[in-house]
Amino acid sequence: MTGAMTVDGSIVRIDRPMPWLGRLLSLPLLAASTYLLWNVALGLKQDFSGFGRLADDLVPVLVFTGLGLLVGIPGLILLTFRYFIVLNETRRQVVITRQFGPLNIRSSRDLADYHFISITDDYDPALTMYDVNLCGNKGTVPIELSSFTSRDEATRLANELARSLKLPARDYVGTEPDEDA
């Protein structure tokens, strides 16, 4: 999964797009939700036009509305999910944003806690992914910036980030992890 990186002065933004499979999985959920809510709308139209009684149809209307929302909200979240990381050199801040629809969930961290950029692999011989991480001392949770299927792309991003943030880039591909990490 690759991401787009933009540099604007001292601000670096890394977009991590949702995989196309996640967007594709949202379509059946949204279709089912639309079907259920459409039936609610048809039932209410029939009740208000005089062909039925709302008192008789209240339980099915509430059940179909609840099911439609229960199925539709995860579909909407999958369809509109965005994840990006903003590294602000002047404020010395890292802001991680998870966004779906109008809802933003932000997590802010201090850039001074992070001292280098690492390139690691996942030790999977079938499909190796190379991760570019922003790392600090022991006890500091690393931030995964992006993942690549090619080591050259990961190295290119790490070197570009190292130049813009003035941090060293370290390649740990093929090494064993620390035992006390």
Protein backbone atom coordinates (compact mmCIF):
# COMPACT_ATOMS: atom_id res chain seq x y z
CA MET A 1 0.00 0.00 0.00
CA THR A 2 1.67 3.17 -1.11
CA GLY A 3 0.90 6.65 0.01
CA ALA A 4 1.26 10.08 -1.45
CA MET A 5 3.67 12.49 0.20
CA THR A 6 3.44 16.25 -0.21
CA VAL A 7 5.91 18.79 1.16
CA ASP A 8 4.82 22.38 1.72
CA GLY A 9 7.61 24.34 3.36
CA SER A 10 8.12 22.76 6.78
CA ILE A 11 4.94 20.66 6.64
CA VAL A 12 5.07 17.10 5.32
CA ARG A 13 1.77 15.28 4.71
CA ILE A 14 1.62 11.53 4.04
CA ASP A 15 -1.71 10.15 2.81
CA ARG A 16 -2.44 6.48 3.42
CA PRO A 17 -5.29 5.59 1.05
CA MET A 18 -7.92 2.99 1.85
CA PRO A 19 -7.34 -0.20 -0.15
CA TRP A 20 -9.76 -0.58 -3.05
CA LEU A 21 -11.03 -3.80 -1.49
CA GLY A 22 -12.36 -1.85 1.51
CA ARG A 23 -14.18 0.56 -0.76
CA LEU A 24 -15.57 -2.38 -2.75
CA LEU A 25 -16.83 -4.08 0.43
CA SER A 26 -18.78 -0.94 1.33
CA LEU A 27 -21.00 -1.22 -1.75
CA PRO A 28 -23.07 -4.28 -0.63
CA LEU A 29 -23.56 -2.70 2.79
CA LEU A 30 -24.76 0.55 1.26
CA ALA A 31 -27.01 -1.31 -1.19
CA ALA A 32 -28.64 -3.30 1.64
CA SER A 33 -29.08 -0.16 3.70
CA THR A 34 -30.63 1.69 0.77
CA TYR A 35 -33.03 -1.19 0.17
CA LEU A 36 -34.17 -1.27 3.81
CA LEU A 37 -34.56 2.51 4.09
CA TRP A 38 -36.36 2.65 0.73
CA ASN A 39 -38.91 0.15 2.07
CA VAL A 40 -39.35 2.33 5.15
CA ALA A 41 -39.97 5.35 2.94
CA LEU A 42 -42.51 3.43 0.83
CA GLY A 43 -44.33 2.21 3.96
CA LEU A 44 -44.46 5.72 5.42
CA LYS A 45 -45.69 7.13 2.11
CA GLN A 46 -48.47 4.53 2.06
CA ASP A 47 -49.39 5.28 5.68
CA PHE A 48 -49.50 9.04 5.19
CA SER A 49 -51.41 8.87 1.92
CA GLY A 50 -54.30 7.06 3.63
CA PHE A 51 -53.79 3.48 2.41
CA GLY A 52 -52.54 2.19 5.77
CA ARG A 53 -52.26 2.99 9.45
CA LEU A 54 -49.01 4.08 11.04
CA ALA A 55 -50.01 2.34 14.28
CA ASP A 56 -50.09 -1.00 12.46
CA ASP A 57 -46.75 -0.41 10.72
CA LEU A 58 -44.81 1.23 13.56
CA VAL A 59 -42.82 -1.85 14.65
CA PRO A 60 -41.71 -2.86 11.12
CA VAL A 61 -40.83 0.78 10.32
CA LEU A 62 -38.67 1.03 13.44
CA VAL A 63 -37.03 -2.37 12.85
CA PHE A 64 -36.26 -1.64 9.18
CA THR A 65 -34.96 1.84 10.06
CA GLY A 66 -32.71 0.39 12.75
CA LEU A 67 -31.41 -2.36 10.47
CA GLY A 68 -30.88 0.11 7.63
CA LEU A 69 -28.81 2.38 9.86
CA LEU A 70 -26.99 -0.55 11.46
CA VAL A 71 -25.89 -1.81 8.04
CA GLY A 72 -25.46 1.58 6.37
CA ILE A 73 -23.22 3.33 8.89
CA PRO A 74 -20.32 0.81 8.58
CA GLY A 75 -20.71 0.96 4.80
CA LEU A 76 -20.45 4.75 4.89
CA ILE A 77 -17.41 4.52 7.15
CA LEU A 78 -15.68 2.07 4.77
CA LEU A 79 -16.52 4.24 1.77
CA THR A 80 -15.27 7.55 3.17
CA PHE A 81 -12.36 6.43 5.41
CA ARG A 82 -9.13 8.44 5.06
CA TYR A 83 -5.92 8.21 7.07
CA PHE A 84 -3.12 10.74 6.89
CA ILE A 85 -0.14 11.92 8.91
CA VAL A 86 1.05 15.54 9.06
CA LEU A 87 4.60 16.23 10.22
CA ASN A 88 4.99 19.92 11.12
CA GLU A 89 8.65 20.88 11.54
CA THR A 90 8.00 24.44 12.82
CA ARG A 91 5.57 23.30 15.54
CA ARG A 92 7.61 20.11 16.15
CA GLN A 93 4.40 18.12 16.03
CA VAL A 94 3.08 14.92 14.45
CA VAL A 95 -0.69 14.81 13.86
CA ILE A 96 -2.29 11.48 12.90
CA THR A 97 -5.80 11.89 11.47
CA ARG A 98 -8.38 9.19 10.85
CA GLN A 99 -11.34 10.64 9.01
CA PHE A 100 -14.61 9.18 7.80
CA GLY A 101 -17.37 11.38 6.57
CA PRO A 102 -17.50 14.57 8.62
CA LEU A 103 -15.92 12.90 11.68
CA ASN A 104 -12.20 13.48 12.39
CA ILE A 105 -10.24 11.58 15.02
CA ARG A 106 -6.89 13.27 15.62
CA SER A 107 -3.94 12.16 17.67
CA SER A 108 -1.09 14.59 18.31
CA ARG A 109 2.46 13.65 19.28
CA ASP A 110 5.64 15.60 19.84
CA LEU A 111 8.13 15.37 16.94
CA ALA A 112 11.03 15.77 19.39
CA ASP A 113 10.29 12.24 20.70
CA TYR A 114 11.24 10.76 17.33
CA HIS A 115 14.91 10.58 16.33
CA PHE A 116 15.19 8.54 13.13
CA ILE A 117 13.32 7.01 10.22
CA SER A 118 13.56 3.24 9.81
CA ILE A 119 12.89 0.83 6.98
CA THR A 120 11.81 -2.63 8.11
CA ASP A 121 10.38 -5.72 6.50
CA ASP A 122 7.79 -8.20 7.75
CA TYR A 123 9.84 -11.41 7.21
CA ASP A 124 7.20 -12.89 4.91
CA PRO A 125 8.96 -14.73 2.06
CA ALA A 126 5.83 -14.89 -0.12
CA LEU A 127 4.95 -11.17 -0.13
CA THR A 128 7.44 -8.92 1.60
CA MET A 129 6.20 -5.49 2.65
CA TYR A 130 8.71 -2.76 3.46
CA ASP A 131 7.50 -0.35 6.14
CA VAL A 132 8.79 3.19 6.62
CA ASN A 133 8.47 4.15 10.30
CA LEU A 134 9.16 7.23 12.39
CA CYS A 135 10.98 5.89 15.46
CA GLY A 136 12.21 7.20 18.80
CA ASN A 137 13.88 5.83 21.89
CA LYS A 138 12.71 2.70 23.71
CA GLY A 139 9.22 3.18 25.05
CA THR A 140 8.19 5.49 22.21
CA VAL A 141 5.60 3.88 19.94
CA PRO A 142 6.79 4.08 16.32
CA ILE A 143 4.50 5.61 13.71
CA GLU A 144 4.12 3.61 10.50
CA LEU A 145 4.25 6.18 7.74
CA SER A 146 3.84 3.97 4.69
CA SER A 147 4.22 0.44 3.33
CA PHE A 148 5.70 -0.60 0.00
CA THR A 149 6.18 -3.81 -1.96
CA SER A 150 9.48 -2.52 -3.33
CA ARG A 151 12.54 -1.81 -1.20
CA ASP A 152 13.63 0.97 -3.57
CA GLU A 153 10.36 2.87 -3.08
CA ALA A 154 10.66 2.56 0.71
CA THR A 155 14.26 3.78 0.60
CA ARG A 156 13.29 6.68 -1.65
CA LEU A 157 10.54 7.82 0.75
CA ALA A 158 12.76 7.39 3.81
CA ASN A 159 15.56 9.44 2.24
CA GLU A 160 13.14 12.16 1.15
CA LEU A 161 11.68 12.35 4.66
CA ALA A 162 15.15 12.34 6.20
CA ARG A 163 16.13 15.35 4.09
CA SER A 164 12.99 17.33 4.86
CA LEU A 165 12.89 16.52 8.63
CA LYS A 166 16.68 16.48 9.11
CA LEU A 167 16.57 13.04 10.70
CA PRO A 168 18.77 10.02 9.87
CA ALA A 169 17.30 7.15 7.85
CA ARG A 170 18.24 3.62 8.92
CA ASP A 171 17.67 0.45 6.95
CA TYR A 172 16.88 -2.56 9.17
CA VAL A 173 15.76 -4.90 6.40
CA GLY A 174 17.04 -8.43 6.97
CA THR A 175 18.12 -7.84 10.58
CA GLU A 176 16.68 -9.53 13.64
CA PRO A 177 14.52 -7.45 16.00
CA ASP A 178 15.87 -6.52 19.44
CA GLU A 179 15.04 -9.05 22.13
CA ASP A 180 14.22 -6.41 24.77
CA ALA A 181 12.26 -4.11 22.43
